[in-house]
Amino acid sequence: MHIGVVMNPIAGMGGRVGLKGTDDKVAEARERGAEPRSPDRARRMLTRLAEHDASIRISTAGEPMGASIVRDAGFDPEVVYDPDSGLPADVGLPEGGEDDEAATSSDDRYANASTSAADTTAAVEAFAAAGVDLVLFVGGDGTAADVATALQGTETPMLGVPAGVKVYSSVFAVSPEDAADVAVTFDRTERREVMDIDEDDYREGEVSPELRAVASVPVADALQSSKQLGGGTVEALAEGVARDVEPGVTYVLGPGSTVGAIKAELGFDPTPIGVDVWRDGEVLVRDATESQILEALGEENVIVVSPIGGQGFVFGRGNPQLSPAVIRRCDVSIVASRSKLDELSVLRVDTDDPELDAALRGWTRVRIGAFETRMIEIV
């Protein structure tokens, strides 16, 4: 098998610092202390891929788009594109990769990485020319659109390792490990949607996904659906949650229209796609970043979050401010309209912390009305 691997090193950096995305916001994200997310996601996928078969042939792009992390995982890649020169070249680290300490570092080497959509497109075009059987990319919806553009006119399938903030498209695996599993087991493909949104509109609370492409993607259960908007009324649900708030408890209220109705019922104007922190009738932080949430937490804390319609993600899509550090200090209350939950057979989590993901999995109770709850499994 021959796989092309490319990483967008800045994908998802704006999430935990409250920027809702990274398009045109890289410098501001860094000023706010954002750390690269893609390298760890890529490493998790490649580690699983090596566990399946370390002899898989891999083509990749030079740093900072994947070469050293592919080597870290034990592969000997063919580097077919150099983002520094824009030309094919074998660049990056010497054969064999870094030592173990460097390979498990915090990825400081990517802190100031800079690449463009043109680099992604050129790298993927080089993969197609090299005859890869699959393109595995690490990024978000914008990266997916760039990959799909580069593969137009070919039969080469693509599969995403989710690392962006929004991840609306249905071309992504559920987790990095799932991406590796699908890559080595799929035997057929299907056409799936590549969606993206205008991040400036998104930051203003306007969510209008736009179809950017239709791409060939492996057929597998471990792929997410396109994000759908939830239906049904949430007034009774919001009234019930607001009625049951407890004094002294800090409520971390996630994004989206369902939790937005709860915020309105609590008496304040919600941040439509941000996280607001509330306690004892006071909004402590609006549109909070991860660090602001952590600073505002008290002795008792509850995250109130609603799954994404059509996908079922509770954590890991659209709410990276709710990081593992935040989740571990809070109880979790999941809410959803009946109609939204009716569309979902399971819920999902993808927090960037596999141990936390495992701890969150299992049967959980979701509030669907003023008093009603329903059991559903997080897988």
Protein backbone atom coordinates (compact mmCIF):
# COMPACT_ATOMS: atom_id res chain seq x y z
CA MET A 1 0.00 0.00 0.00
CA HIS A 2 1.17 3.51 -0.83
CA ILE A 3 -0.17 6.43 1.28
CA GLY A 4 0.40 10.16 0.93
CA VAL A 5 0.53 12.00 4.27
CA VAL A 6 0.30 15.78 4.57
CA MET A 7 -0.22 17.95 7.66
CA ASN A 8 -1.48 21.50 7.96
CA PRO A 9 0.71 22.58 10.92
CA ILE A 10 -1.52 25.51 11.95
CA ALA A 11 -4.94 23.80 11.74
CA GLY A 12 -6.96 24.18 14.93
CA MET A 13 -4.56 26.58 16.65
CA GLY A 14 -7.26 29.22 17.10
CA GLY A 15 -9.65 26.93 18.93
CA ARG A 16 -8.58 26.86 22.56
CA VAL A 17 -7.76 30.58 22.56
CA GLY A 18 -11.29 31.46 21.48
CA LEU A 19 -10.76 32.42 17.83
CA LYS A 20 -13.21 29.82 16.39
CA GLY A 21 -10.71 28.99 13.66
CA THR A 22 -7.29 29.88 12.31
CA ASP A 23 -8.01 31.43 8.90
CA ASP A 24 -6.17 34.77 8.81
CA LYS A 25 -5.76 34.57 12.59
CA VAL A 26 -2.47 32.69 13.01
CA ALA A 27 -0.53 35.66 14.39
CA GLU A 28 -3.28 36.53 16.84
CA ALA A 29 -3.57 32.90 17.92
CA ARG A 30 0.16 32.82 18.68
CA GLU A 31 -0.07 36.10 20.58
CA ARG A 32 -2.76 34.49 22.74
CA GLY A 33 -0.47 31.56 23.48
CA ALA A 34 -1.93 28.99 21.07
CA GLU A 35 0.00 25.77 20.65
CA PRO A 36 0.08 23.55 17.55
CA ARG A 37 -2.59 20.85 17.55
CA SER A 38 -1.93 19.04 14.28
CA PRO A 39 1.44 17.45 15.15
CA ASP A 40 0.05 15.40 18.02
CA ARG A 41 -2.97 14.36 15.93
CA ALA A 42 -0.65 13.30 13.11
CA ARG A 43 1.60 11.41 15.51
CA ARG A 44 -1.33 9.47 16.96
CA MET A 45 -2.50 8.44 13.49
CA LEU A 46 0.97 7.44 12.32
CA THR A 47 1.72 5.49 15.49
CA ARG A 48 -1.43 3.43 14.93
CA LEU A 49 -0.57 3.04 11.25
CA ALA A 50 2.87 1.68 12.19
CA GLU A 51 1.24 -0.77 14.58
CA HIS A 52 -0.74 -2.11 11.62
CA ASP A 53 2.20 -2.28 9.20
CA ALA A 54 5.47 -0.37 9.55
CA SER A 55 6.43 -1.32 6.00
CA ILE A 56 3.67 0.76 4.40
CA ARG A 57 5.10 2.97 1.68
CA ILE A 58 4.59 6.65 2.55
CA SER A 59 5.07 9.78 0.48
CA THR A 60 4.98 13.04 2.38
CA ALA A 61 5.93 16.72 2.31
CA GLY A 62 8.96 18.32 3.93
CA GLU A 63 8.82 20.26 7.15
CA PRO A 64 6.64 21.62 8.57
CA MET A 65 4.10 19.48 6.70
CA GLY A 66 4.84 15.99 7.95
CA ALA A 67 8.26 14.53 7.15
CA SER A 68 9.75 14.44 10.65
CA ILE A 69 6.61 13.07 12.32
CA VAL A 70 6.39 10.32 9.70
CA ARG A 71 10.00 9.44 10.55
CA ASP A 72 9.28 9.68 14.29
CA ALA A 73 6.70 6.91 13.82
CA GLY A 74 9.30 4.61 12.30
CA PHE A 75 8.62 5.01 8.59
CA ASP A 76 11.17 5.86 5.90
CA PRO A 77 9.15 8.28 3.75
CA GLU A 78 9.68 9.58 0.26
CA VAL A 79 9.55 13.37 0.53
CA VAL A 80 8.01 14.49 -2.75
CA TYR A 81 7.39 18.18 -2.03
CA ASP A 82 9.42 20.88 -0.25
CA PRO A 83 7.29 23.80 1.02
CA ASP A 84 10.37 26.02 1.33
CA SER A 85 11.23 25.84 -2.35
CA GLY A 86 7.92 24.71 -3.80
CA LEU A 87 9.79 21.91 -5.58
CA PRO A 88 10.07 18.14 -5.08
CA ALA A 89 13.00 17.39 -2.79
CA ASP A 90 13.94 15.03 0.02
CA VAL A 91 14.10 17.44 2.93
CA GLY A 92 13.54 17.39 6.66
CA LEU A 93 15.37 15.39 9.30
CA PRO A 94 18.10 12.85 8.59
CA GLU A 95 16.96 9.30 8.03
CA GLY A 96 15.87 7.73 11.28
CA GLY A 97 14.19 10.85 12.68
CA GLU A 98 14.77 12.44 16.06
CA ASP A 99 15.66 10.86 19.34
CA ASP A 100 12.86 9.62 21.59
CA GLU A 101 12.89 12.69 23.83
CA ALA A 102 12.45 15.04 20.89
CA ALA A 103 9.80 12.84 19.29
CA THR A 104 7.60 13.11 22.36
CA SER A 105 8.20 16.83 22.94
CA SER A 106 5.54 19.54 22.95
CA ASP A 107 6.16 20.23 19.26
CA ASP A 108 7.88 23.57 19.80
CA ARG A 109 9.43 23.08 16.38
CA TYR A 110 6.01 23.86 14.88
CA ALA A 111 5.27 26.92 17.01
CA ASN A 112 6.15 29.33 14.19
CA ALA A 113 5.34 27.08 11.24
CA SER A 114 3.85 28.75 8.20
CA THR A 115 2.45 27.12 5.08
CA SER A 116 -0.25 28.01 2.58
CA ALA A 117 -3.16 26.41 0.76
CA ALA A 118 -0.92 26.36 -2.30
CA ASP A 119 1.57 24.17 -0.41
CA THR A 120 -1.15 21.68 0.48
CA THR A 121 -2.40 21.59 -3.11
CA ALA A 122 1.11 21.15 -4.52
CA ALA A 123 1.96 18.37 -2.06
CA VAL A 124 -1.22 16.45 -2.87
CA GLU A 125 -0.67 16.87 -6.61
CA ALA A 126 2.79 15.35 -6.07
CA PHE A 127 1.20 12.44 -4.18
CA ALA A 128 -1.19 11.80 -7.06
CA ALA A 129 1.68 11.91 -9.53
CA ALA A 130 3.54 9.38 -7.37
CA GLY A 131 0.56 7.02 -7.58
CA VAL A 132 -0.55 6.89 -3.95
CA ASP A 133 -3.53 4.70 -3.08
CA LEU A 134 -4.85 7.15 -0.49
CA VAL A 135 -4.17 10.69 0.73
CA LEU A 136 -4.27 11.01 4.52
CA PHE A 137 -4.38 14.68 5.52
CA VAL A 138 -4.28 16.29 8.96
CA GLY A 139 -6.27 19.51 9.22
CA GLY A 140 -9.77 20.98 9.11
CA ASP A 141 -12.39 21.85 6.54
CA GLY A 142 -10.17 24.35 4.72
CA THR A 143 -7.45 21.73 4.34
CA ALA A 144 -10.04 19.23 3.14
CA ALA A 145 -11.14 21.65 0.42
CA ASP A 146 -7.52 22.16 -0.68
CA VAL A 147 -6.90 18.40 -0.84
CA ALA A 148 -10.11 17.81 -2.78
CA THR A 149 -9.17 20.55 -5.26
CA ALA A 150 -5.80 18.94 -5.87
CA LEU A 151 -7.39 15.52 -6.45
CA GLN A 152 -9.99 16.70 -8.96
CA GLY A 153 -9.80 14.60 -12.11
CA THR A 154 -8.18 11.66 -10.31
CA GLU A 155 -9.60 8.51 -8.73
CA THR A 156 -7.38 8.87 -5.64
CA PRO A 157 -9.42 8.80 -2.41
CA MET A 158 -8.80 11.09 0.55
CA LEU A 159 -9.35 10.73 4.30
CA GLY A 160 -9.03 13.38 7.00
CA VAL A 161 -7.48 13.25 10.45
CA PRO A 162 -9.58 15.88 12.27
CA ALA A 163 -7.44 18.71 13.65
CA GLY A 164 -9.44 21.83 12.83
CA VAL A 165 -11.92 23.73 14.98
CA LYS A 166 -15.16 23.19 13.05
CA VAL A 167 -14.84 20.01 10.95
CA TYR A 168 -18.17 20.15 9.14
CA SER A 169 -17.19 17.83 6.28
CA SER A 170 -17.97 14.13 6.05
CA VAL A 171 -14.50 13.20 4.77
CA PHE A 172 -12.97 12.88 8.26
CA ALA A 173 -12.45 9.85 10.45
CA VAL A 174 -13.84 10.09 13.97
CA SER A 175 -10.36 10.11 15.55
CA PRO A 176 -6.69 9.91 14.48
CA GLU A 177 -6.57 6.23 15.37
CA ASP A 178 -9.73 5.53 13.37
CA ALA A 179 -8.13 7.20 10.35
CA ALA A 180 -5.24 4.73 10.50
CA ASP A 181 -7.60 1.79 10.97
CA VAL A 182 -9.72 2.82 7.98
CA ALA A 183 -6.64 3.42 5.82
CA VAL A 184 -5.43 -0.15 6.12
CA THR A 185 -8.80 -1.92 5.98
CA PHE A 186 -11.00 -0.16 3.41
CA ASP A 187 -11.84 -1.97 0.20
CA ARG A 188 -14.15 0.49 -1.54
CA THR A 189 -14.92 4.20 -1.67
CA GLU A 190 -17.92 6.48 -1.94
CA ARG A 191 -18.52 10.13 -2.81
CA ARG A 192 -18.76 12.44 0.20
CA GLU A 193 -19.19 16.16 0.81
CA VAL A 194 -16.45 18.67 1.60
CA MET A 195 -18.04 21.57 3.46
CA ASP A 196 -16.56 24.83 4.72
CA ILE A 197 -17.82 28.08 6.21
CA ASP A 198 -16.69 31.70 6.22
CA GLU A 199 -14.86 32.05 9.53
CA ASP A 200 -15.52 35.78 9.82
CA ASP A 201 -19.27 35.11 9.53
CA TYR A 202 -18.86 32.19 11.94
CA ARG A 203 -17.25 34.47 14.54
CA GLU A 204 -20.31 36.72 14.23
CA GLY A 205 -22.60 33.78 14.91
CA GLU A 206 -23.67 33.10 11.31
CA VAL A 207 -23.29 29.44 10.40
CA SER A 208 -23.83 28.77 6.69
CA PRO A 209 -21.90 25.71 5.51
CA GLU A 210 -21.02 25.82 1.82
CA LEU A 211 -20.39 22.79 -0.36
CA ARG A 212 -16.81 23.11 -1.62
CA ALA A 213 -16.31 19.77 -3.33
CA VAL A 214 -17.39 16.14 -3.55
CA ALA A 215 -14.54 13.73 -2.93
CA SER A 216 -13.85 10.00 -3.06
CA VAL A 217 -13.54 8.69 0.53
CA PRO A 218 -13.10 5.18 1.98
CA VAL A 219 -16.31 3.47 3.09
CA ALA A 220 -16.19 2.85 6.85
CA ASP A 221 -18.31 3.09 9.98
CA ALA A 222 -15.62 5.25 11.62
CA LEU A 223 -16.38 8.29 9.45
CA GLN A 224 -18.39 11.25 10.62
CA SER A 225 -21.46 12.61 8.87
CA SER A 226 -21.77 16.15 7.59
CA LYS A 227 -22.89 18.49 10.32
CA GLN A 228 -26.64 19.09 10.31
CA LEU A 229 -28.65 21.76 12.09
CA GLY A 230 -30.81 20.44 14.92
CA GLY A 231 -34.57 20.82 14.87
CA GLY A 232 -37.36 20.86 17.40
CA THR A 233 -38.13 23.27 20.22
CA VAL A 234 -35.82 23.69 23.17
CA GLU A 235 -37.83 26.15 25.27
CA ALA A 236 -38.97 23.59 27.83
CA LEU A 237 -35.47 22.13 28.01
CA ALA A 238 -33.96 25.57 28.62
CA GLU A 239 -36.53 26.41 31.28
CA GLY A 240 -35.83 23.13 33.07
CA VAL A 241 -32.07 23.59 33.10
CA ALA A 242 -32.35 27.21 34.25
CA ARG A 243 -34.75 26.21 37.02
CA ASP A 244 -32.34 23.58 38.33
CA VAL A 245 -29.16 25.66 38.53
CA GLU A 246 -27.57 25.48 41.98
CA PRO A 247 -26.04 28.34 43.98
CA GLY A 248 -22.27 28.42 44.15
CA VAL A 249 -21.86 26.15 41.12
CA THR A 250 -19.92 27.47 38.12
CA TYR A 251 -21.61 26.64 34.83
CA VAL A 252 -19.48 26.42 31.70
CA LEU A 253 -22.00 26.85 28.90
CA GLY A 254 -20.93 25.55 25.50
CA PRO A 255 -21.69 26.87 22.02
CA GLY A 256 -24.70 26.28 19.82
CA SER A 257 -28.37 27.14 19.66
CA THR A 258 -29.56 24.60 22.25
CA VAL A 259 -27.25 25.83 25.00
CA GLY A 260 -27.83 29.35 23.69
CA ALA A 261 -31.49 29.00 24.67
CA ILE A 262 -30.36 28.06 28.18
CA LYS A 263 -28.14 31.14 28.34
CA ALA A 264 -31.07 33.32 27.30
CA GLU A 265 -33.26 31.68 29.95
CA LEU A 266 -30.58 32.52 32.53
CA GLY A 267 -31.02 36.14 31.54
CA PHE A 268 -28.10 37.08 29.34
CA ASP A 269 -27.36 37.49 25.66
CA PRO A 270 -25.55 34.31 24.58
CA THR A 271 -22.33 34.11 22.64
CA PRO A 272 -23.71 32.01 19.74
CA ILE A 273 -20.63 29.96 18.97
CA GLY A 274 -18.53 30.64 22.06
CA VAL A 275 -18.28 29.36 25.61
CA ASP A 276 -19.73 31.52 28.40
CA VAL A 277 -19.06 31.02 32.12
CA TRP A 278 -21.89 31.81 34.58
CA ARG A 279 -22.31 31.58 38.33
CA ASP A 280 -24.96 32.90 40.74
CA GLY A 281 -26.67 35.14 38.23
CA GLU A 282 -23.46 36.67 36.88
CA VAL A 283 -21.64 36.10 33.60
CA LEU A 284 -18.04 35.62 34.69
CA VAL A 285 -16.56 35.35 31.19
CA ARG A 286 -18.08 35.77 27.75
CA ASP A 287 -16.65 33.93 24.74
CA ALA A 288 -14.04 32.41 27.01
CA THR A 289 -10.72 30.86 26.05
CA GLU A 290 -9.43 27.71 27.71
CA SER A 291 -7.25 29.68 30.13
CA GLN A 292 -10.10 32.04 31.05
CA ILE A 293 -12.38 29.09 31.78
CA LEU A 294 -9.78 27.50 34.03
CA GLU A 295 -9.30 30.76 35.93
CA ALA A 296 -13.06 31.15 36.45
CA LEU A 297 -13.74 27.63 37.74
CA GLY A 298 -14.71 27.19 41.37
CA GLU A 299 -15.00 24.24 43.73
CA GLU A 300 -18.06 22.83 41.92
CA ASN A 301 -18.28 23.12 38.15
CA VAL A 302 -20.62 21.83 35.46
CA ILE A 303 -20.12 21.88 31.69
CA VAL A 304 -23.40 22.13 29.81
CA VAL A 305 -22.97 21.04 26.21
CA SER A 306 -25.12 19.80 23.34
CA PRO A 307 -24.02 17.26 20.72
CA ILE A 308 -23.55 18.37 17.13
CA GLY A 309 -26.53 17.39 15.03
CA GLY A 310 -25.81 14.71 12.45
CA GLN A 311 -22.38 13.92 13.92
CA GLY A 312 -23.04 13.37 17.60
CA PHE A 313 -19.82 14.90 18.88
CA VAL A 314 -20.07 16.20 22.45
CA PHE A 315 -16.43 17.30 22.64
CA GLY A 316 -13.87 17.79 19.90
CA ARG A 317 -15.84 19.64 17.22
CA GLY A 318 -16.49 23.36 17.51
CA ASN A 319 -15.65 23.60 21.23
CA PRO A 320 -11.87 23.11 21.73
CA GLN A 321 -11.98 25.66 24.55
CA LEU A 322 -13.50 22.77 26.51
CA SER A 323 -10.10 21.13 26.72
CA PRO A 324 -9.13 18.04 28.71
CA ALA A 325 -7.91 20.30 31.53
CA VAL A 326 -11.33 21.96 31.69
CA ILE A 327 -13.33 18.74 31.37
CA ARG A 328 -11.38 17.00 34.14
CA ARG A 329 -12.40 19.74 36.60
CA CYS A 330 -16.10 19.62 35.75
CA ASP A 331 -19.14 17.42 35.81
CA VAL A 332 -20.68 17.12 32.34
CA SER A 333 -24.34 17.75 31.58
CA ILE A 334 -25.42 16.90 28.03
CA VAL A 335 -28.59 18.46 26.66
CA ALA A 336 -30.34 18.05 23.32
CA SER A 337 -33.73 18.53 21.72
CA ARG A 338 -35.71 15.35 21.14
CA SER A 339 -35.47 15.79 17.39
CA LYS A 340 -31.70 16.12 17.47
CA LEU A 341 -31.26 13.05 19.63
CA ASP A 342 -33.68 11.07 17.45
CA GLU A 343 -31.23 11.55 14.57
CA LEU A 344 -28.31 10.11 16.55
CA SER A 345 -27.67 6.47 17.34
CA VAL A 346 -24.57 7.23 19.46
CA LEU A 347 -22.57 10.18 20.79
CA ARG A 348 -18.84 10.71 20.25
CA VAL A 349 -15.89 12.45 21.91
CA ASP A 350 -12.48 13.45 20.54
CA THR A 351 -10.77 15.58 23.19
CA ASP A 352 -7.10 15.18 22.13
CA ASP A 353 -6.64 12.99 25.24
CA PRO A 354 -7.25 9.28 24.51
CA GLU A 355 -7.41 8.39 28.21
CA LEU A 356 -10.08 11.01 28.83
CA ASP A 357 -11.98 9.86 25.74
CA ALA A 358 -12.00 6.33 27.16
CA ALA A 359 -13.21 7.58 30.55
CA LEU A 360 -16.07 9.51 28.92
CA ARG A 361 -17.29 6.58 26.83
CA GLY A 362 -20.21 4.46 27.93
CA TRP A 363 -23.90 4.99 28.54
CA THR A 364 -24.83 8.51 29.60
CA ARG A 365 -27.98 10.46 30.37
CA VAL A 366 -29.02 13.31 28.07
CA ARG A 367 -31.59 15.86 29.14
CA ILE A 368 -34.20 16.37 26.40
CA GLY A 369 -36.92 18.36 28.20
CA ALA A 370 -37.93 20.16 31.35
CA PHE A 371 -37.85 16.88 33.26
CA GLU A 372 -37.21 14.14 30.70
CA THR A 373 -33.91 12.41 30.05
CA ARG A 374 -32.83 9.68 27.67
CA MET A 375 -29.94 7.21 27.81
CA ILE A 376 -27.51 7.07 24.88
CA GLU A 377 -24.04 5.60 24.47
CA ILE A 378 -20.86 7.60 23.95
CA VAL A 379 -18.59 5.46 21.74
